[in-house]
N, C-alpha and C. Protein backbone atom coordinates (compact mmCIF):
# COMPACT_ATOMS: atom_id res chain seq x y z
N UNK A 1 74.51 115.88 -160.16
CA UNK A 1 75.19 115.61 -161.40
C UNK A 1 76.26 116.67 -161.63
N UNK A 2 77.30 116.28 -162.35
CA UNK A 2 78.38 117.20 -162.68
C UNK A 2 78.59 117.23 -164.18
N UNK A 3 79.57 118.01 -164.60
CA UNK A 3 79.86 118.17 -166.03
C UNK A 3 80.23 116.83 -166.66
N UNK A 4 80.70 115.87 -165.87
CA UNK A 4 81.04 114.56 -166.44
C UNK A 4 79.80 113.79 -166.89
N UNK A 5 78.60 114.25 -166.51
CA UNK A 5 77.37 113.61 -166.97
C UNK A 5 76.93 114.11 -168.34
N UNK A 6 77.57 115.16 -168.85
CA UNK A 6 77.32 115.63 -170.21
C UNK A 6 78.14 114.72 -171.13
N UNK A 7 77.51 114.13 -172.13
CA UNK A 7 78.19 113.14 -172.97
C UNK A 7 78.33 113.67 -174.39
N UNK A 8 79.57 113.78 -174.86
CA UNK A 8 79.80 114.06 -176.28
C UNK A 8 79.36 112.81 -177.05
N UNK A 9 78.59 113.01 -178.10
CA UNK A 9 78.09 111.87 -178.87
C UNK A 9 79.09 111.55 -179.98
N UNK A 10 79.68 110.36 -179.89
CA UNK A 10 80.67 109.92 -180.88
C UNK A 10 80.83 108.40 -180.72
N UNK A 11 81.52 107.77 -181.66
CA UNK A 11 81.76 106.33 -181.50
C UNK A 11 82.52 106.00 -180.21
N UNK A 12 83.33 106.93 -179.72
CA UNK A 12 84.13 106.67 -178.52
C UNK A 12 83.29 106.71 -177.24
N UNK A 13 82.14 107.37 -177.26
CA UNK A 13 81.37 107.53 -176.03
C UNK A 13 80.10 106.68 -176.00
N UNK A 14 79.82 105.96 -177.06
CA UNK A 14 78.62 105.13 -177.10
C UNK A 14 78.95 103.65 -177.05
N UNK A 15 77.93 102.85 -176.92
CA UNK A 15 78.06 101.39 -176.94
C UNK A 15 77.69 100.93 -178.35
N UNK A 16 78.66 100.33 -179.04
CA UNK A 16 78.43 99.89 -180.41
C UNK A 16 77.36 98.79 -180.44
N UNK A 17 76.35 99.01 -181.27
CA UNK A 17 75.24 98.07 -181.40
C UNK A 17 74.89 97.96 -182.87
N UNK A 18 74.73 96.75 -183.35
CA UNK A 18 74.29 96.53 -184.72
C UNK A 18 72.84 96.07 -184.66
N UNK A 19 71.91 96.91 -185.14
CA UNK A 19 70.50 96.50 -185.11
C UNK A 19 70.28 95.25 -185.94
N UNK A 20 69.31 94.43 -185.57
CA UNK A 20 69.01 93.23 -186.36
C UNK A 20 68.58 93.60 -187.78
N UNK A 21 69.31 93.10 -188.75
CA UNK A 21 69.04 93.45 -190.14
C UNK A 21 67.69 92.90 -190.61
N UNK A 22 67.19 91.87 -189.95
CA UNK A 22 65.90 91.30 -190.36
C UNK A 22 64.74 92.28 -190.13
N UNK A 23 64.98 93.35 -189.40
CA UNK A 23 63.95 94.37 -189.21
C UNK A 23 63.82 95.30 -190.42
N UNK A 24 64.75 95.20 -191.37
CA UNK A 24 64.78 96.08 -192.53
C UNK A 24 64.57 95.29 -193.82
N UNK A 25 64.21 96.01 -194.84
CA UNK A 25 64.25 95.46 -196.18
C UNK A 25 65.57 95.92 -196.77
N UNK A 26 66.57 95.05 -196.79
CA UNK A 26 67.90 95.39 -197.26
C UNK A 26 67.89 95.48 -198.78
N UNK A 27 68.29 96.64 -199.31
CA UNK A 27 68.27 96.87 -200.76
C UNK A 27 69.62 96.69 -201.42
N UNK A 28 70.69 96.63 -200.61
CA UNK A 28 72.03 96.38 -201.18
C UNK A 28 72.80 95.49 -200.22
N UNK A 29 73.43 94.46 -200.77
CA UNK A 29 74.09 93.44 -199.96
C UNK A 29 75.23 94.00 -199.12
N UNK A 30 75.89 95.07 -199.59
CA UNK A 30 77.04 95.61 -198.87
C UNK A 30 76.66 96.57 -197.74
N UNK A 31 75.37 96.84 -197.57
CA UNK A 31 74.91 97.80 -196.56
C UNK A 31 75.12 97.25 -195.15
N UNK A 32 75.71 98.08 -194.27
CA UNK A 32 75.84 97.75 -192.85
C UNK A 32 75.64 99.04 -192.05
N UNK A 33 75.41 98.90 -190.77
CA UNK A 33 75.31 100.06 -189.89
C UNK A 33 75.74 99.68 -188.49
N UNK A 34 76.17 100.68 -187.74
CA UNK A 34 76.44 100.53 -186.31
C UNK A 34 75.88 101.75 -185.61
N UNK A 35 75.11 101.53 -184.56
CA UNK A 35 74.62 102.61 -183.72
C UNK A 35 75.53 102.68 -182.51
N UNK A 36 75.85 103.87 -182.04
CA UNK A 36 76.66 104.06 -180.84
C UNK A 36 75.73 104.67 -179.79
N UNK A 37 75.11 103.81 -179.00
CA UNK A 37 74.06 104.22 -178.08
C UNK A 37 74.67 104.88 -176.84
N UNK A 38 74.20 106.09 -176.53
CA UNK A 38 74.70 106.85 -175.39
C UNK A 38 73.70 106.91 -174.25
N UNK A 39 72.44 106.73 -174.52
CA UNK A 39 71.40 106.76 -173.50
C UNK A 39 70.13 106.17 -174.07
N UNK A 40 69.15 105.97 -173.22
CA UNK A 40 67.87 105.48 -173.68
C UNK A 40 66.97 105.13 -172.52
N UNK A 41 65.74 104.86 -172.82
CA UNK A 41 64.77 104.49 -171.81
C UNK A 41 63.39 104.97 -172.20
N UNK A 42 62.41 104.73 -171.35
CA UNK A 42 61.05 105.14 -171.66
C UNK A 42 60.91 106.66 -171.69
N UNK A 43 60.01 107.14 -172.52
CA UNK A 43 59.80 108.58 -172.66
C UNK A 43 58.33 108.92 -172.49
N UNK A 44 58.05 110.12 -171.96
CA UNK A 44 56.68 110.59 -171.82
C UNK A 44 56.33 111.60 -172.90
N UNK A 45 57.21 112.56 -173.12
CA UNK A 45 56.98 113.61 -174.11
C UNK A 45 58.28 113.87 -174.86
N UNK A 46 58.15 114.42 -176.05
CA UNK A 46 59.35 114.78 -176.80
C UNK A 46 59.07 116.01 -177.64
N UNK A 47 60.14 116.72 -177.97
CA UNK A 47 60.07 117.85 -178.90
C UNK A 47 61.44 118.00 -179.53
N UNK A 48 61.50 118.76 -180.57
CA UNK A 48 62.78 118.99 -181.23
C UNK A 48 62.63 120.07 -182.27
N UNK A 49 63.75 120.57 -182.72
CA UNK A 49 63.69 121.60 -183.73
C UNK A 49 65.02 122.30 -183.93
N UNK A 50 64.91 123.48 -184.45
CA UNK A 50 66.06 124.34 -184.77
C UNK A 50 66.06 125.47 -183.75
N UNK A 51 67.22 125.83 -183.22
CA UNK A 51 67.34 126.84 -182.17
C UNK A 51 68.43 127.83 -182.54
N UNK A 52 68.21 129.08 -182.21
CA UNK A 52 69.26 130.09 -182.34
C UNK A 52 69.36 130.85 -181.04
N UNK A 53 70.56 131.32 -180.72
CA UNK A 53 70.75 132.08 -179.50
C UNK A 53 71.87 133.08 -179.64
N UNK A 54 71.74 134.16 -178.89
CA UNK A 54 72.76 135.22 -178.85
C UNK A 54 73.56 135.07 -177.56
N UNK A 55 74.76 135.66 -177.48
CA UNK A 55 75.60 135.52 -176.29
C UNK A 55 74.86 135.91 -175.02
N UNK A 56 75.07 135.11 -174.00
CA UNK A 56 74.45 135.30 -172.70
C UNK A 56 74.39 133.96 -171.98
N UNK A 57 73.80 133.95 -170.79
CA UNK A 57 73.76 132.73 -169.99
C UNK A 57 72.43 132.63 -169.27
N UNK A 58 72.04 131.38 -168.99
CA UNK A 58 70.84 131.09 -168.23
C UNK A 58 71.14 129.88 -167.34
N UNK A 59 70.62 129.89 -166.14
CA UNK A 59 70.75 128.73 -165.25
C UNK A 59 69.49 127.88 -165.39
N UNK A 60 69.68 126.57 -165.54
CA UNK A 60 68.56 125.63 -165.63
C UNK A 60 68.76 124.61 -164.51
N UNK A 61 67.86 124.62 -163.52
CA UNK A 61 68.04 123.80 -162.33
C UNK A 61 66.70 123.29 -161.85
N UNK A 62 66.35 122.06 -162.23
CA UNK A 62 67.09 121.09 -163.02
C UNK A 62 66.69 121.14 -164.49
N UNK A 63 67.54 120.51 -165.33
CA UNK A 63 67.23 120.37 -166.75
C UNK A 63 65.94 119.57 -166.85
N UNK A 64 64.94 120.06 -167.57
CA UNK A 64 63.62 119.41 -167.52
C UNK A 64 63.47 118.18 -168.43
N UNK A 65 64.48 117.86 -169.22
CA UNK A 65 64.39 116.76 -170.18
C UNK A 65 65.78 116.31 -170.57
N UNK A 66 65.87 115.09 -171.11
CA UNK A 66 67.09 114.65 -171.79
C UNK A 66 67.17 115.45 -173.07
N UNK A 67 68.33 116.01 -173.38
CA UNK A 67 68.45 116.82 -174.59
C UNK A 67 69.67 116.43 -175.40
N UNK A 68 69.45 116.22 -176.67
CA UNK A 68 70.55 116.03 -177.62
C UNK A 68 70.68 117.34 -178.39
N UNK A 69 71.90 117.84 -178.47
CA UNK A 69 72.20 119.08 -179.20
C UNK A 69 73.23 118.78 -180.27
N UNK A 70 73.02 119.33 -181.45
CA UNK A 70 74.02 119.29 -182.52
C UNK A 70 74.26 120.75 -182.90
N UNK A 71 75.45 121.23 -182.62
CA UNK A 71 75.78 122.63 -182.88
C UNK A 71 76.09 122.78 -184.38
N UNK A 72 75.36 123.67 -185.03
CA UNK A 72 75.56 123.93 -186.46
C UNK A 72 76.54 125.06 -186.68
N UNK A 73 76.45 126.11 -185.86
CA UNK A 73 77.36 127.24 -185.96
C UNK A 73 77.46 127.88 -184.59
N UNK A 74 78.58 128.56 -184.35
CA UNK A 74 78.76 129.25 -183.09
C UNK A 74 79.42 128.39 -182.03
N UNK A 75 79.28 128.83 -180.78
CA UNK A 75 79.93 128.14 -179.66
C UNK A 75 79.09 128.34 -178.41
N UNK A 76 78.94 127.23 -177.64
CA UNK A 76 78.24 127.27 -176.36
C UNK A 76 79.10 126.56 -175.31
N UNK A 77 78.73 126.77 -174.06
CA UNK A 77 79.34 126.04 -172.96
C UNK A 77 78.23 125.58 -172.03
N UNK A 78 78.46 124.46 -171.38
CA UNK A 78 77.59 123.98 -170.32
C UNK A 78 78.46 123.94 -169.07
N UNK A 79 77.95 124.54 -167.98
CA UNK A 79 78.73 124.67 -166.75
C UNK A 79 77.91 124.09 -165.60
N UNK A 80 78.50 123.15 -164.85
CA UNK A 80 77.75 122.61 -163.72
C UNK A 80 77.83 123.55 -162.52
N UNK A 81 77.09 123.24 -161.47
CA UNK A 81 77.02 124.13 -160.32
C UNK A 81 78.33 124.19 -159.54
N UNK A 82 79.25 123.24 -159.78
CA UNK A 82 80.56 123.27 -159.15
C UNK A 82 81.59 124.01 -159.98
N UNK A 83 81.18 124.52 -161.16
CA UNK A 83 82.10 125.25 -162.02
C UNK A 83 82.74 124.43 -163.12
N UNK A 84 82.46 123.11 -163.17
CA UNK A 84 82.97 122.29 -164.27
C UNK A 84 82.36 122.78 -165.58
N UNK A 85 83.16 122.84 -166.62
CA UNK A 85 82.73 123.45 -167.88
C UNK A 85 83.11 122.58 -169.06
N UNK A 86 82.20 122.48 -170.03
CA UNK A 86 82.48 121.83 -171.31
C UNK A 86 82.01 122.77 -172.40
N UNK A 87 82.84 122.96 -173.44
CA UNK A 87 82.49 123.84 -174.57
C UNK A 87 82.26 123.01 -175.81
N UNK A 88 81.35 123.51 -176.65
CA UNK A 88 80.97 122.81 -177.87
C UNK A 88 80.86 123.82 -179.00
N UNK A 89 81.34 123.43 -180.19
CA UNK A 89 81.28 124.28 -181.36
C UNK A 89 80.68 123.55 -182.54
N UNK A 90 80.71 124.23 -183.68
CA UNK A 90 80.12 123.69 -184.91
C UNK A 90 80.60 122.26 -185.16
N UNK A 91 79.63 121.38 -185.39
CA UNK A 91 79.92 119.97 -185.66
C UNK A 91 79.88 119.09 -184.43
N UNK A 92 79.88 119.67 -183.23
CA UNK A 92 79.82 118.87 -182.00
C UNK A 92 78.39 118.46 -181.71
N UNK A 93 78.24 117.25 -181.20
CA UNK A 93 76.94 116.74 -180.75
C UNK A 93 77.13 116.26 -179.31
N UNK A 94 76.13 116.52 -178.46
CA UNK A 94 76.24 116.12 -177.07
C UNK A 94 74.88 115.89 -176.46
N UNK A 95 74.89 115.21 -175.30
CA UNK A 95 73.69 114.81 -174.57
C UNK A 95 73.75 115.42 -173.18
N UNK A 96 72.65 116.08 -172.76
CA UNK A 96 72.52 116.61 -171.40
C UNK A 96 71.39 115.80 -170.73
N UNK A 97 71.68 115.13 -169.61
CA UNK A 97 70.64 114.31 -168.98
C UNK A 97 69.62 115.14 -168.21
N UNK A 98 68.38 114.67 -168.24
CA UNK A 98 67.32 115.28 -167.43
C UNK A 98 67.78 115.26 -165.97
N UNK A 99 67.61 116.37 -165.27
CA UNK A 99 68.02 116.46 -163.88
C UNK A 99 69.34 117.16 -163.68
N UNK A 100 70.14 117.30 -164.74
CA UNK A 100 71.39 118.06 -164.65
C UNK A 100 71.06 119.49 -164.23
N UNK A 101 71.88 120.08 -163.37
CA UNK A 101 71.67 121.46 -162.96
C UNK A 101 72.91 122.26 -163.33
N UNK A 102 72.69 123.37 -164.03
CA UNK A 102 73.83 124.19 -164.40
C UNK A 102 73.45 125.29 -165.35
N UNK A 103 74.48 125.88 -165.94
CA UNK A 103 74.31 127.04 -166.81
C UNK A 103 74.51 126.68 -168.26
N UNK A 104 73.66 127.21 -169.11
CA UNK A 104 73.83 127.18 -170.56
C UNK A 104 74.40 128.54 -170.93
N UNK A 105 75.58 128.55 -171.49
CA UNK A 105 76.25 129.80 -171.86
C UNK A 105 76.38 129.84 -173.37
N UNK A 106 75.74 130.81 -174.00
CA UNK A 106 75.92 131.01 -175.43
C UNK A 106 77.11 131.96 -175.57
N UNK A 107 78.24 131.40 -175.99
CA UNK A 107 79.50 132.14 -176.05
C UNK A 107 79.51 133.10 -177.23
N UNK A 108 78.98 132.65 -178.35
CA UNK A 108 78.87 133.48 -179.55
C UNK A 108 77.56 133.12 -180.24
N UNK A 109 77.07 133.96 -181.16
CA UNK A 109 75.81 133.61 -181.83
C UNK A 109 75.87 132.17 -182.33
N UNK A 110 74.82 131.41 -182.00
CA UNK A 110 74.84 129.97 -182.21
C UNK A 110 73.52 129.49 -182.80
N UNK A 111 73.61 128.44 -183.62
CA UNK A 111 72.44 127.71 -184.06
C UNK A 111 72.67 126.24 -183.79
N UNK A 112 71.58 125.55 -183.48
CA UNK A 112 71.68 124.11 -183.20
C UNK A 112 70.39 123.43 -183.61
N UNK A 113 70.49 122.13 -183.78
CA UNK A 113 69.34 121.24 -183.89
C UNK A 113 69.26 120.52 -182.54
N UNK A 114 68.05 120.38 -182.01
CA UNK A 114 67.91 119.71 -180.73
C UNK A 114 66.74 118.74 -180.72
N UNK A 115 66.86 117.74 -179.85
CA UNK A 115 65.77 116.82 -179.54
C UNK A 115 65.70 116.75 -178.02
N UNK A 116 64.51 116.98 -177.46
CA UNK A 116 64.31 116.94 -176.02
C UNK A 116 63.28 115.86 -175.70
N UNK A 117 63.62 114.99 -174.75
CA UNK A 117 62.76 113.89 -174.37
C UNK A 117 62.58 113.90 -172.86
N UNK A 118 61.32 113.97 -172.41
CA UNK A 118 61.01 113.94 -170.98
C UNK A 118 60.75 112.51 -170.55
N UNK A 119 61.42 112.13 -169.47
CA UNK A 119 61.22 110.78 -168.91
C UNK A 119 60.18 110.82 -167.82
């Protein structure tokens, strides 16, 4: 896998899907939603929470789970083993697939919300 397998989560990178409204109890007629699906599949284990980190780097080879990150403050980079790099800052959300190999670089003190799902 390379840095191109890291997916920024946004309407531009997902597949627009409107869930069946009959699954909900609709409380207002004007309510609508669209999900922009970036990944999915069966899961074995999951975890999630709040994370903080100080500047530094760690190599993870391979990434042990699918991970969604939402950066609340600070800046991080993900670097693949070929040197491809993507940086993320406050307000960015992204997906790292299980099996990706590379470096997590905390560029500046950072906090994030994360969800990790093992396939």
